[in-house]
Every structure is written in structure tokens, then in C-alpha cells.
Amino acid sequence: MPHRKPTSFHLVVYLAWLALTGSAHAVRPAKVFSDHMVLQRDRVVPIWGFADAGTTVDVQFAQQRVKAKSDATGQWTVQLQPLKADAKGKQLIIESGDECVVIRDVLVGEVWFAGGQSNMAYTAGQMAKRVPQGKVMLAAADLPAIRFRKINESNHPSPQRDLTRGQWQICTPASAARHSAVAFVFARRLHLTLNVP
């Protein structure tokens, strides 16, 4: 059977399909990676996300460039070699085909997870209302090398592929007031003692 030239109808259908499914190289990082984040220093750093199945993904950060191919489910992971602490914000660039995601103002330092229930839900703002020293600490919390990311996901019976909400925030008196008092005091002490983000 001879090959037929596509008609305008076929072109319209194809464009509609692209609009519904995204481009042929749609790529995005997992939602934990966003502007103002901090990467862990002195250790191999995994970066992961999602793309069309079998797609090559190119990740660039701090003069490193690493490539990976997404698996059959569209998941991909690369590893950056250990990075030195750096308080100067850099871009994390993720590319695939003609798609490009740029995550801005990324620092390298210490990354700690503060987990708990009511003890972690007690905010720095609440602390400042009850403890005089807490009020002083919060008022002086203009500390741009400290970043917070609240993970507040719903319970699930099985592991989830990604987060659904949230973003990294730079430490200011206003932003710190909304975050865990324990996490704020701990992050402040680490930052002032180690002199790293």
C-alpha cells in the first residue's frame, strides 16, 4: 500500500494528541527540587524525576553534567558527585529534548529532616510569644543561608512517587515564624556553628 501524505485532518489530530499528552520530551524533577533549595554537601547527591519513557535526561549543576535515561515508567535518577559547601546560589538545569527546567538559587550545605508530631508542629512564632529569648531569636532570623521545606503530605498505605505540594523558603522572621521552632533553633545553631548553608 503506498504511503499517503498526511492531510490537514491528520495534522490537527496529531497536534491535539500532543496538547493532551505533552511534548515528546516532557521532563520534570520530583517536587522536592525547587527554587531556594539546599543540597547536601560532601556526599553523592541523587536528583530524580519524571519524563517520557526511554527519554534521555541531562542534569547540570556546579560544573557537573550527568545524563540518564528514563525507564519504562518514565522515572529517572542521576547522581552528582560530592559537592563542597557553597552559599552562592546556583542553577540546577534539567533538560530533555527541547524541554528545559531551571531551578534557581540552589545552595550546598547541611540538609536535615526534623520529624515529629506536636513537638514539631509548635512554631517559632508560638515560641516567640511565650519565651523572651525566642522572641529575640526570631526577630534576628534574617538568615538567607537557612532554607526550610515543610513536608506535609496526607497519609498513604503505600509509598508515593512524588510530593503534592510545598516549596523551599528562605529564612526570614516572617517565614521562620510559620515553621517548626525545634527545626528553626537547630538549623540556626548548625548554621552559626558550621558557617555553611
N, C-alpha and C. Protein backbone atom coordinates (compact mmCIF):
# COMPACT_ATOMS: atom_id res chain seq x y z
N MET A 1 0.86 -1.18 0.00
CA MET A 1 0.00 0.00 0.00
C MET A 1 0.90 1.24 0.00
N PRO A 2 0.68 2.19 -0.89
CA PRO A 2 1.52 3.38 -0.97
C PRO A 2 1.37 4.26 0.27
N HIS A 3 2.46 4.92 0.65
CA HIS A 3 2.46 5.84 1.80
C HIS A 3 1.71 7.11 1.42
N ARG A 4 0.72 7.46 2.23
CA ARG A 4 -0.06 8.65 1.93
C ARG A 4 0.49 9.86 2.65
N LYS A 5 0.42 10.98 2.00
CA LYS A 5 0.84 12.25 2.60
C LYS A 5 -0.19 12.65 3.66
N PRO A 6 0.27 13.09 4.87
CA PRO A 6 -0.68 13.46 5.91
C PRO A 6 -1.58 14.61 5.47
N THR A 7 -2.83 14.50 5.79
CA THR A 7 -3.78 15.57 5.47
C THR A 7 -3.85 16.54 6.63
N SER A 8 -4.53 17.64 6.41
CA SER A 8 -4.66 18.62 7.49
C SER A 8 -5.43 18.03 8.66
N PHE A 9 -6.36 17.10 8.39
CA PHE A 9 -7.11 16.45 9.46
C PHE A 9 -6.16 15.65 10.35
N HIS A 10 -5.25 14.88 9.70
CA HIS A 10 -4.28 14.10 10.48
C HIS A 10 -3.41 15.02 11.33
N LEU A 11 -3.03 16.16 10.77
CA LEU A 11 -2.19 17.10 11.49
C LEU A 11 -2.92 17.67 12.70
N VAL A 12 -4.19 17.99 12.53
CA VAL A 12 -4.99 18.51 13.64
C VAL A 12 -5.10 17.47 14.74
N VAL A 13 -5.35 16.21 14.37
CA VAL A 13 -5.46 15.13 15.36
C VAL A 13 -4.14 14.97 16.09
N TYR A 14 -3.01 15.01 15.37
CA TYR A 14 -1.70 14.84 15.97
C TYR A 14 -1.40 15.99 16.94
N LEU A 15 -1.72 17.23 16.54
CA LEU A 15 -1.50 18.37 17.43
C LEU A 15 -2.38 18.28 18.66
N ALA A 16 -3.60 17.83 18.50
CA ALA A 16 -4.49 17.65 19.65
C ALA A 16 -3.93 16.60 20.60
N TRP A 17 -3.37 15.52 20.04
CA TRP A 17 -2.76 14.46 20.86
C TRP A 17 -1.57 15.01 21.64
N LEU A 18 -0.74 15.84 20.99
CA LEU A 18 0.40 16.44 21.68
C LEU A 18 -0.06 17.35 22.81
N ALA A 19 -1.13 18.10 22.57
CA ALA A 19 -1.64 19.01 23.59
C ALA A 19 -2.12 18.24 24.82
N LEU A 20 -2.68 17.06 24.61
CA LEU A 20 -3.19 16.26 25.71
C LEU A 20 -2.10 15.52 26.45
N THR A 21 -1.09 15.06 25.73
CA THR A 21 -0.06 14.21 26.34
C THR A 21 1.20 14.95 26.70
N GLY A 22 1.37 16.18 26.25
CA GLY A 22 2.60 16.92 26.48
C GLY A 22 3.54 16.69 25.33
N SER A 23 4.68 17.39 25.34
CA SER A 23 5.63 17.25 24.24
C SER A 23 6.30 15.90 24.28
N ALA A 24 7.01 15.57 23.21
CA ALA A 24 7.64 14.25 23.11
C ALA A 24 8.76 14.08 24.13
N HIS A 25 9.23 15.15 24.76
CA HIS A 25 10.32 15.04 25.72
C HIS A 25 9.96 15.71 27.05
N ALA A 26 8.67 15.67 27.44
CA ALA A 26 8.25 16.31 28.68
C ALA A 26 9.09 15.79 29.83
N VAL A 27 9.65 16.71 30.63
CA VAL A 27 10.52 16.32 31.74
C VAL A 27 10.22 17.22 32.93
N ARG A 28 10.30 16.65 34.13
CA ARG A 28 10.18 17.45 35.34
C ARG A 28 10.89 16.73 36.48
N PRO A 29 11.49 17.49 37.38
CA PRO A 29 12.09 16.88 38.56
C PRO A 29 11.01 16.55 39.59
N ALA A 30 11.32 15.70 40.54
CA ALA A 30 10.42 15.48 41.67
C ALA A 30 10.21 16.81 42.38
N LYS A 31 9.07 16.98 43.03
CA LYS A 31 8.69 18.28 43.59
C LYS A 31 9.54 18.72 44.78
N VAL A 32 10.33 17.82 45.34
CA VAL A 32 11.22 18.24 46.43
C VAL A 32 12.32 19.17 45.91
N PHE A 33 12.56 19.13 44.59
CA PHE A 33 13.56 20.01 43.97
C PHE A 33 12.86 21.27 43.46
N SER A 34 13.16 22.40 44.13
CA SER A 34 12.54 23.66 43.72
C SER A 34 13.46 24.82 44.09
N ASP A 35 13.13 26.01 43.60
CA ASP A 35 13.93 27.20 43.85
C ASP A 35 14.25 27.34 45.35
N HIS A 36 15.46 27.81 45.65
CA HIS A 36 15.94 28.12 47.01
C HIS A 36 16.28 26.88 47.83
N MET A 37 16.38 25.73 47.21
CA MET A 37 16.67 24.51 47.97
C MET A 37 18.13 24.44 48.38
N VAL A 38 18.44 23.48 49.26
CA VAL A 38 19.81 23.19 49.69
C VAL A 38 20.10 21.73 49.37
N LEU A 39 21.27 21.47 48.78
CA LEU A 39 21.74 20.11 48.53
C LEU A 39 22.78 19.75 49.58
N GLN A 40 22.83 18.47 49.94
CA GLN A 40 23.75 18.01 50.97
C GLN A 40 25.20 18.05 50.49
N ARG A 41 26.07 18.64 51.29
CA ARG A 41 27.49 18.73 50.95
C ARG A 41 28.21 17.40 51.21
N ASP A 42 29.34 17.23 50.53
CA ASP A 42 30.31 16.15 50.80
C ASP A 42 29.75 14.74 50.66
N ARG A 43 28.66 14.58 49.94
CA ARG A 43 28.10 13.25 49.67
C ARG A 43 27.56 13.20 48.25
N VAL A 44 27.46 12.01 47.71
CA VAL A 44 26.81 11.85 46.41
C VAL A 44 25.36 12.33 46.54
N VAL A 45 24.91 13.14 45.58
CA VAL A 45 23.57 13.74 45.65
C VAL A 45 22.70 13.18 44.54
N PRO A 46 21.65 12.42 44.89
CA PRO A 46 20.72 11.94 43.85
C PRO A 46 19.74 13.04 43.44
N ILE A 47 19.51 13.14 42.15
CA ILE A 47 18.48 14.02 41.59
C ILE A 47 17.57 13.12 40.76
N TRP A 48 16.27 13.21 40.94
CA TRP A 48 15.37 12.31 40.23
C TRP A 48 14.11 13.04 39.78
N GLY A 49 13.37 12.36 38.91
CA GLY A 49 12.15 12.97 38.41
C GLY A 49 11.46 12.10 37.40
N PHE A 50 10.74 12.73 36.47
CA PHE A 50 9.86 12.02 35.55
C PHE A 50 10.00 12.59 34.14
N ALA A 51 9.85 11.73 33.16
CA ALA A 51 9.91 12.12 31.74
C ALA A 51 9.18 11.05 30.95
N ASP A 52 9.07 11.26 29.65
CA ASP A 52 8.52 10.21 28.81
C ASP A 52 9.42 8.99 28.88
N ALA A 53 8.85 7.81 28.78
CA ALA A 53 9.63 6.58 28.86
C ALA A 53 10.72 6.55 27.79
N GLY A 54 11.91 6.11 28.20
CA GLY A 54 13.02 5.97 27.27
C GLY A 54 13.65 7.27 26.83
N THR A 55 13.43 8.34 27.58
CA THR A 55 13.94 9.65 27.21
C THR A 55 15.28 9.93 27.90
N THR A 56 16.20 10.55 27.19
CA THR A 56 17.47 10.95 27.79
C THR A 56 17.29 12.27 28.54
N VAL A 57 17.78 12.30 29.77
CA VAL A 57 17.68 13.49 30.63
C VAL A 57 19.08 13.95 30.97
N ASP A 58 19.32 15.25 30.85
CA ASP A 58 20.62 15.85 31.08
C ASP A 58 20.51 16.80 32.27
N VAL A 59 21.31 16.56 33.32
CA VAL A 59 21.27 17.37 34.53
C VAL A 59 22.61 18.08 34.70
N GLN A 60 22.55 19.41 34.94
CA GLN A 60 23.77 20.21 35.09
C GLN A 60 23.70 21.01 36.39
N PHE A 61 24.82 20.96 37.14
CA PHE A 61 24.92 21.76 38.36
C PHE A 61 26.39 21.88 38.76
N ALA A 62 26.81 23.10 39.09
CA ALA A 62 28.15 23.35 39.64
C ALA A 62 29.25 22.67 38.81
N GLN A 63 29.24 22.89 37.52
CA GLN A 63 30.23 22.37 36.59
C GLN A 63 30.20 20.84 36.44
N GLN A 64 29.13 20.22 36.92
CA GLN A 64 28.93 18.79 36.68
C GLN A 64 27.80 18.63 35.67
N ARG A 65 27.93 17.63 34.84
CA ARG A 65 26.89 17.32 33.86
C ARG A 65 26.72 15.81 33.83
N VAL A 66 25.50 15.33 34.12
CA VAL A 66 25.22 13.91 34.21
C VAL A 66 23.98 13.59 33.38
N LYS A 67 24.02 12.45 32.69
CA LYS A 67 22.87 12.05 31.87
C LYS A 67 22.31 10.72 32.35
N ALA A 68 21.02 10.54 32.10
CA ALA A 68 20.35 9.29 32.43
C ALA A 68 19.22 9.08 31.43
N LYS A 69 18.70 7.87 31.41
CA LYS A 69 17.56 7.55 30.54
C LYS A 69 16.40 7.13 31.41
N SER A 70 15.24 7.68 31.14
CA SER A 70 14.06 7.31 31.93
C SER A 70 13.67 5.86 31.63
N ASP A 71 13.14 5.19 32.66
CA ASP A 71 12.76 3.79 32.49
C ASP A 71 11.38 3.67 31.85
N ALA A 72 10.85 2.47 31.82
CA ALA A 72 9.57 2.22 31.15
C ALA A 72 8.41 2.95 31.81
N THR A 73 8.57 3.31 33.10
CA THR A 73 7.51 4.06 33.79
C THR A 73 7.74 5.56 33.75
N GLY A 74 8.84 5.98 33.11
CA GLY A 74 9.12 7.40 32.98
C GLY A 74 9.95 7.98 34.12
N GLN A 75 10.44 7.14 35.02
CA GLN A 75 11.23 7.64 36.13
C GLN A 75 12.72 7.64 35.77
N TRP A 76 13.45 8.65 36.27
CA TRP A 76 14.88 8.73 36.02
C TRP A 76 15.59 9.22 37.28
N THR A 77 16.87 8.87 37.40
CA THR A 77 17.70 9.29 38.52
C THR A 77 19.12 9.51 38.03
N VAL A 78 19.74 10.59 38.48
CA VAL A 78 21.17 10.81 38.25
C VAL A 78 21.83 11.05 39.60
N GLN A 79 23.15 10.97 39.64
CA GLN A 79 23.88 11.23 40.87
C GLN A 79 24.97 12.26 40.60
N LEU A 80 24.94 13.33 41.39
CA LEU A 80 26.01 14.32 41.34
C LEU A 80 27.11 13.89 42.30
N GLN A 81 28.35 14.07 41.90
CA GLN A 81 29.47 13.76 42.77
C GLN A 81 29.48 14.73 43.94
N PRO A 82 30.11 14.35 45.07
CA PRO A 82 30.09 15.20 46.26
C PRO A 82 30.47 16.66 45.97
N LEU A 83 29.72 17.56 46.60
CA LEU A 83 29.88 19.00 46.39
C LEU A 83 30.37 19.65 47.68
N LYS A 84 31.18 20.68 47.53
CA LYS A 84 31.62 21.46 48.69
C LYS A 84 30.53 22.45 49.07
N ALA A 85 30.48 22.79 50.35
CA ALA A 85 29.51 23.77 50.83
C ALA A 85 29.68 25.08 50.06
N ASP A 86 28.55 25.68 49.70
CA ASP A 86 28.59 26.91 48.90
C ASP A 86 27.34 27.73 49.17
N ALA A 87 27.53 28.94 49.68
CA ALA A 87 26.41 29.82 49.99
C ALA A 87 26.00 30.70 48.83
N LYS A 88 26.67 30.54 47.68
CA LYS A 88 26.30 31.30 46.49
C LYS A 88 25.30 30.48 45.67
N GLY A 89 24.13 31.05 45.44
CA GLY A 89 23.09 30.34 44.72
C GLY A 89 23.47 30.03 43.28
N LYS A 90 23.21 28.79 42.88
CA LYS A 90 23.49 28.35 41.51
C LYS A 90 22.22 27.78 40.89
N GLN A 91 22.27 27.58 39.57
CA GLN A 91 21.14 27.00 38.85
C GLN A 91 21.33 25.49 38.69
N LEU A 92 20.27 24.75 38.95
CA LEU A 92 20.20 23.33 38.64
C LEU A 92 19.37 23.22 37.37
N ILE A 93 20.00 22.75 36.29
CA ILE A 93 19.35 22.73 34.98
C ILE A 93 19.06 21.29 34.57
N ILE A 94 17.83 21.03 34.19
CA ILE A 94 17.39 19.70 33.78
C ILE A 94 16.80 19.81 32.39
N GLU A 95 17.37 19.07 31.43
CA GLU A 95 16.95 19.15 30.03
C GLU A 95 16.63 17.78 29.47
N SER A 96 15.70 17.76 28.54
CA SER A 96 15.38 16.56 27.78
C SER A 96 14.76 17.02 26.46
N GLY A 97 15.42 16.69 25.35
CA GLY A 97 14.94 17.17 24.07
C GLY A 97 14.91 18.68 24.07
N ASP A 98 13.76 19.26 23.72
CA ASP A 98 13.65 20.72 23.70
C ASP A 98 13.03 21.27 24.99
N GLU A 99 12.89 20.42 26.00
CA GLU A 99 12.35 20.86 27.29
C GLU A 99 13.49 21.21 28.24
N CYS A 100 13.31 22.26 29.04
CA CYS A 100 14.33 22.68 29.99
C CYS A 100 13.66 23.20 31.26
N VAL A 101 14.09 22.66 32.40
CA VAL A 101 13.62 23.13 33.70
C VAL A 101 14.81 23.74 34.43
N VAL A 102 14.66 24.96 34.92
CA VAL A 102 15.73 25.63 35.65
C VAL A 102 15.28 25.87 37.09
N ILE A 103 16.02 25.30 38.03
CA ILE A 103 15.76 25.51 39.46
C ILE A 103 16.82 26.50 39.94
N ARG A 104 16.37 27.62 40.48
CA ARG A 104 17.27 28.74 40.78
C ARG A 104 17.64 28.84 42.26
N ASP A 105 18.77 29.50 42.50
CA ASP A 105 19.22 29.83 43.85
C ASP A 105 19.39 28.57 44.71
N VAL A 106 20.11 27.60 44.19
CA VAL A 106 20.37 26.35 44.91
C VAL A 106 21.69 26.47 45.67
N LEU A 107 21.66 26.20 46.97
CA LEU A 107 22.85 26.24 47.82
C LEU A 107 23.31 24.82 48.13
N VAL A 108 24.54 24.71 48.67
CA VAL A 108 25.07 23.42 49.09
C VAL A 108 25.50 23.56 50.55
N GLY A 109 25.03 22.66 51.40
CA GLY A 109 25.38 22.72 52.82
C GLY A 109 24.87 21.51 53.55
N GLU A 110 24.26 21.73 54.71
CA GLU A 110 23.72 20.65 55.53
C GLU A 110 22.21 20.54 55.30
N VAL A 111 21.72 19.31 55.11
CA VAL A 111 20.29 19.07 54.95
C VAL A 111 19.85 18.09 56.04
N TRP A 112 18.94 18.54 56.88
CA TRP A 112 18.45 17.71 57.99
C TRP A 112 16.94 17.61 57.91
N PHE A 113 16.43 16.46 58.32
CA PHE A 113 14.98 16.23 58.35
C PHE A 113 14.53 16.23 59.80
N ALA A 114 13.65 17.15 60.15
CA ALA A 114 13.11 17.24 61.51
C ALA A 114 11.71 16.63 61.50
N GLY A 115 11.54 15.50 62.15
CA GLY A 115 10.26 14.80 62.10
C GLY A 115 9.63 14.64 63.47
N GLY A 116 8.32 14.70 63.53
CA GLY A 116 7.62 14.52 64.79
C GLY A 116 6.17 14.92 64.65
N GLN A 117 5.49 15.05 65.76
CA GLN A 117 4.08 15.44 65.74
C GLN A 117 3.92 16.80 66.41
N SER A 118 3.30 16.86 67.58
CA SER A 118 3.04 18.16 68.21
C SER A 118 4.33 18.90 68.53
N ASN A 119 5.40 18.16 68.86
CA ASN A 119 6.66 18.83 69.17
C ASN A 119 7.22 19.57 67.96
N MET A 120 6.98 19.06 66.75
CA MET A 120 7.45 19.72 65.54
C MET A 120 6.43 20.71 65.00
N ALA A 121 5.17 20.54 65.34
CA ALA A 121 4.12 21.46 64.86
C ALA A 121 4.17 22.79 65.62
N TYR A 122 4.78 22.81 66.79
CA TYR A 122 4.92 24.04 67.58
C TYR A 122 5.85 24.99 66.84
N THR A 123 5.33 26.13 66.41
CA THR A 123 6.09 27.01 65.51
C THR A 123 7.01 27.98 66.26
N ALA A 124 7.95 28.55 65.51
CA ALA A 124 8.84 29.57 66.06
C ALA A 124 8.04 30.81 66.44
N GLY A 125 6.96 31.09 65.73
CA GLY A 125 6.10 32.22 66.08
C GLY A 125 5.44 32.01 67.44
N GLN A 126 4.98 30.77 67.72
CA GLN A 126 4.39 30.46 69.02
C GLN A 126 5.45 30.56 70.12
N MET A 127 6.66 30.08 69.80
CA MET A 127 7.76 30.16 70.76
C MET A 127 8.07 31.62 71.12
N ALA A 128 8.07 32.50 70.12
CA ALA A 128 8.40 33.91 70.34
C ALA A 128 7.38 34.59 71.26
N LYS A 129 6.14 34.11 71.26
CA LYS A 129 5.11 34.70 72.12
C LYS A 129 5.25 34.27 73.57
N ARG A 130 5.94 33.15 73.80
CA ARG A 130 6.00 32.61 75.16
C ARG A 130 7.38 32.70 75.80
N VAL A 131 8.43 32.74 74.98
CA VAL A 131 9.80 32.70 75.51
C VAL A 131 10.54 33.96 75.07
N PRO A 132 10.99 34.79 76.01
CA PRO A 132 11.68 36.04 75.64
C PRO A 132 12.87 35.81 74.70
N GLN A 133 13.69 34.80 74.97
CA GLN A 133 14.83 34.53 74.10
C GLN A 133 14.38 34.11 72.71
N GLY A 134 13.25 33.41 72.64
CA GLY A 134 12.69 33.02 71.36
C GLY A 134 12.27 34.22 70.54
N LYS A 135 11.73 35.23 71.19
CA LYS A 135 11.34 36.46 70.51
C LYS A 135 12.56 37.16 69.92
N VAL A 136 13.65 37.18 70.69
CA VAL A 136 14.90 37.80 70.21
C VAL A 136 15.46 37.04 69.01
N MET A 137 15.47 35.70 69.11
CA MET A 137 16.00 34.87 68.03
C MET A 137 15.18 35.05 66.75
N LEU A 138 13.87 35.07 66.88
CA LEU A 138 13.01 35.19 65.70
C LEU A 138 13.16 36.57 65.06
N ALA A 139 13.28 37.61 65.85
CA ALA A 139 13.44 38.96 65.31
C ALA A 139 14.72 39.09 64.51
N ALA A 140 15.74 38.28 64.87
CA ALA A 140 17.04 38.32 64.17
C ALA A 140 17.18 37.20 63.14
N ALA A 141 16.05 36.67 62.68
CA ALA A 141 16.08 35.49 61.80
C ALA A 141 16.19 35.84 60.32
N ASP A 142 16.82 36.95 60.01
CA ASP A 142 17.09 37.28 58.61
C ASP A 142 18.36 36.53 58.22
N LEU A 143 18.21 35.25 57.90
CA LEU A 143 19.34 34.33 57.67
C LEU A 143 19.15 33.65 56.32
N PRO A 144 19.51 34.30 55.22
CA PRO A 144 19.21 33.78 53.88
C PRO A 144 19.90 32.46 53.52
N ALA A 145 20.91 32.05 54.29
CA ALA A 145 21.55 30.77 54.01
C ALA A 145 20.83 29.61 54.68
N ILE A 146 19.78 29.91 55.46
CA ILE A 146 18.94 28.85 56.02
C ILE A 146 17.67 28.76 55.18
N ARG A 147 17.32 27.54 54.80
CA ARG A 147 16.12 27.31 53.98
C ARG A 147 15.25 26.24 54.65
N PHE A 148 13.96 26.39 54.54
CA PHE A 148 13.01 25.43 55.10
C PHE A 148 12.18 24.82 53.98
N ARG A 149 11.82 23.55 54.14
CA ARG A 149 10.86 22.89 53.25
C ARG A 149 9.96 22.02 54.11
N LYS A 150 8.71 22.42 54.23
CA LYS A 150 7.77 21.65 55.05
C LYS A 150 7.16 20.54 54.21
N ILE A 151 7.27 19.33 54.69
CA ILE A 151 6.67 18.17 54.03
C ILE A 151 5.41 17.83 54.81
N ASN A 152 4.27 18.10 54.23
CA ASN A 152 3.01 17.94 54.94
C ASN A 152 2.03 17.16 54.06
N GLU A 153 2.40 15.92 53.80
CA GLU A 153 1.60 15.08 52.91
C GLU A 153 0.53 14.31 53.68
N SER A 154 -0.52 13.92 52.98
CA SER A 154 -1.55 13.07 53.58
C SER A 154 -1.01 11.66 53.77
N ASN A 155 -1.60 10.92 54.70
CA ASN A 155 -1.19 9.53 54.92
C ASN A 155 -1.58 8.67 53.73
N HIS A 156 -0.72 7.72 53.41
CA HIS A 156 -0.99 6.78 52.33
C HIS A 156 -0.59 5.38 52.78
N PRO A 157 -1.31 4.35 52.33
CA PRO A 157 -0.96 2.98 52.72
C PRO A 157 0.28 2.44 52.01
N SER A 158 0.77 3.16 50.98
CA SER A 158 1.94 2.69 50.23
C SER A 158 2.80 3.89 49.85
N PRO A 159 4.08 3.65 49.55
CA PRO A 159 4.96 4.77 49.15
C PRO A 159 4.41 5.50 47.93
N GLN A 160 4.59 6.83 47.92
CA GLN A 160 4.12 7.65 46.81
C GLN A 160 5.28 8.05 45.91
N ARG A 161 4.99 8.30 44.64
CA ARG A 161 6.05 8.64 43.68
C ARG A 161 6.57 10.05 43.84
N ASP A 162 5.76 10.94 44.43
CA ASP A 162 6.17 12.34 44.48
C ASP A 162 5.38 13.08 45.56
N LEU A 163 5.85 14.27 45.90
CA LEU A 163 5.10 15.15 46.79
C LEU A 163 3.97 15.81 46.00
N THR A 164 3.00 16.36 46.72
CA THR A 164 1.89 17.02 46.03
C THR A 164 1.92 18.53 46.20
N ARG A 165 2.65 19.03 47.21
CA ARG A 165 2.63 20.47 47.47
C ARG A 165 3.89 20.89 48.24
N GLY A 166 4.01 22.22 48.41
CA GLY A 166 5.10 22.78 49.20
C GLY A 166 6.24 23.30 48.36
N GLN A 167 7.05 24.15 48.97
CA GLN A 167 8.23 24.70 48.30
C GLN A 167 9.25 25.13 49.35
N TRP A 168 10.49 25.30 48.92
CA TRP A 168 11.54 25.77 49.81
C TRP A 168 11.35 27.27 50.08
N GLN A 169 11.64 27.68 51.32
CA GLN A 169 11.51 29.08 51.69
C GLN A 169 12.79 29.57 52.36
N ILE A 170 13.18 30.79 52.02
CA ILE A 170 14.34 31.43 52.64
C ILE A 170 13.96 31.89 54.04
N CYS A 171 14.89 31.72 54.98
CA CYS A 171 14.62 32.09 56.38
C CYS A 171 14.59 33.60 56.57
N THR A 172 13.44 34.10 56.98
CA THR A 172 13.25 35.49 57.41
C THR A 172 12.43 35.42 58.70
N PRO A 173 12.31 36.50 59.45
CA PRO A 173 11.45 36.45 60.63
C PRO A 173 10.02 35.99 60.29
N ALA A 174 9.49 36.43 59.17
CA ALA A 174 8.11 36.06 58.79
C ALA A 174 8.00 34.59 58.42
N SER A 175 8.94 34.08 57.61
CA SER A 175 8.85 32.68 57.19
C SER A 175 9.18 31.73 58.33
N ALA A 176 10.18 32.06 59.14
CA ALA A 176 10.56 31.19 60.26
C ALA A 176 9.42 31.09 61.27
N ALA A 177 8.64 32.16 61.42
CA ALA A 177 7.53 32.15 62.38
C ALA A 177 6.51 31.07 62.06
N ARG A 178 6.41 30.67 60.80
CA ARG A 178 5.43 29.66 60.39
C ARG A 178 5.97 28.24 60.45
N HIS A 179 7.28 28.10 60.71
CA HIS A 179 7.91 26.78 60.70
C HIS A 179 8.20 26.29 62.11
N SER A 180 8.55 25.04 62.21
CA SER A 180 8.83 24.38 63.48
C SER A 180 9.87 25.14 64.29
N ALA A 181 9.56 25.38 65.57
CA ALA A 181 10.51 26.06 66.46
C ALA A 181 11.75 25.19 66.67
N VAL A 182 11.56 23.89 66.88
CA VAL A 182 12.69 22.99 67.08
C VAL A 182 13.59 23.00 65.85
N ALA A 183 13.00 22.90 64.66
CA ALA A 183 13.78 22.89 63.43
C ALA A 183 14.51 24.21 63.24
N PHE A 184 13.84 25.32 63.54
CA PHE A 184 14.47 26.64 63.40
C PHE A 184 15.67 26.80 64.32
N VAL A 185 15.49 26.47 65.61
CA VAL A 185 16.59 26.62 66.57
C VAL A 185 17.77 25.72 66.19
N PHE A 186 17.46 24.50 65.77
CA PHE A 186 18.51 23.56 65.37
C PHE A 186 19.24 24.05 64.12
N ALA A 187 18.50 24.48 63.11
CA ALA A 187 19.11 24.97 61.87
C ALA A 187 19.96 26.22 62.13
N ARG A 188 19.45 27.10 62.98
CA ARG A 188 20.20 28.32 63.31
C ARG A 188 21.53 27.98 63.98
N ARG A 189 21.49 27.05 64.94
CA ARG A 189 22.73 26.69 65.63
C ARG A 189 23.72 26.01 64.68
N LEU A 190 23.22 25.10 63.84
CA LEU A 190 24.11 24.45 62.86
C LEU A 190 24.76 25.48 61.95
N HIS A 191 23.95 26.39 61.44
CA HIS A 191 24.44 27.40 60.50
C HIS A 191 25.51 28.29 61.15
N LEU A 192 25.25 28.75 62.36
CA LEU A 192 26.19 29.65 63.03
C LEU A 192 27.45 28.92 63.48
N THR A 193 27.33 27.63 63.81
CA THR A 193 28.49 26.84 64.26
C THR A 193 29.35 26.40 63.09
N LEU A 194 28.72 25.89 62.03
CA LEU A 194 29.46 25.33 60.89
C LEU A 194 29.76 26.36 59.80
N ASN A 195 29.02 27.46 59.81
CA ASN A 195 29.19 28.52 58.81
C ASN A 195 28.97 28.00 57.37
N VAL A 196 27.94 27.16 57.22
CA VAL A 196 27.54 26.67 55.89
C VAL A 196 26.02 26.81 55.79
N PRO A 197 25.48 26.83 54.58
CA PRO A 197 24.02 26.84 54.44
C PRO A 197 23.38 25.63 55.12
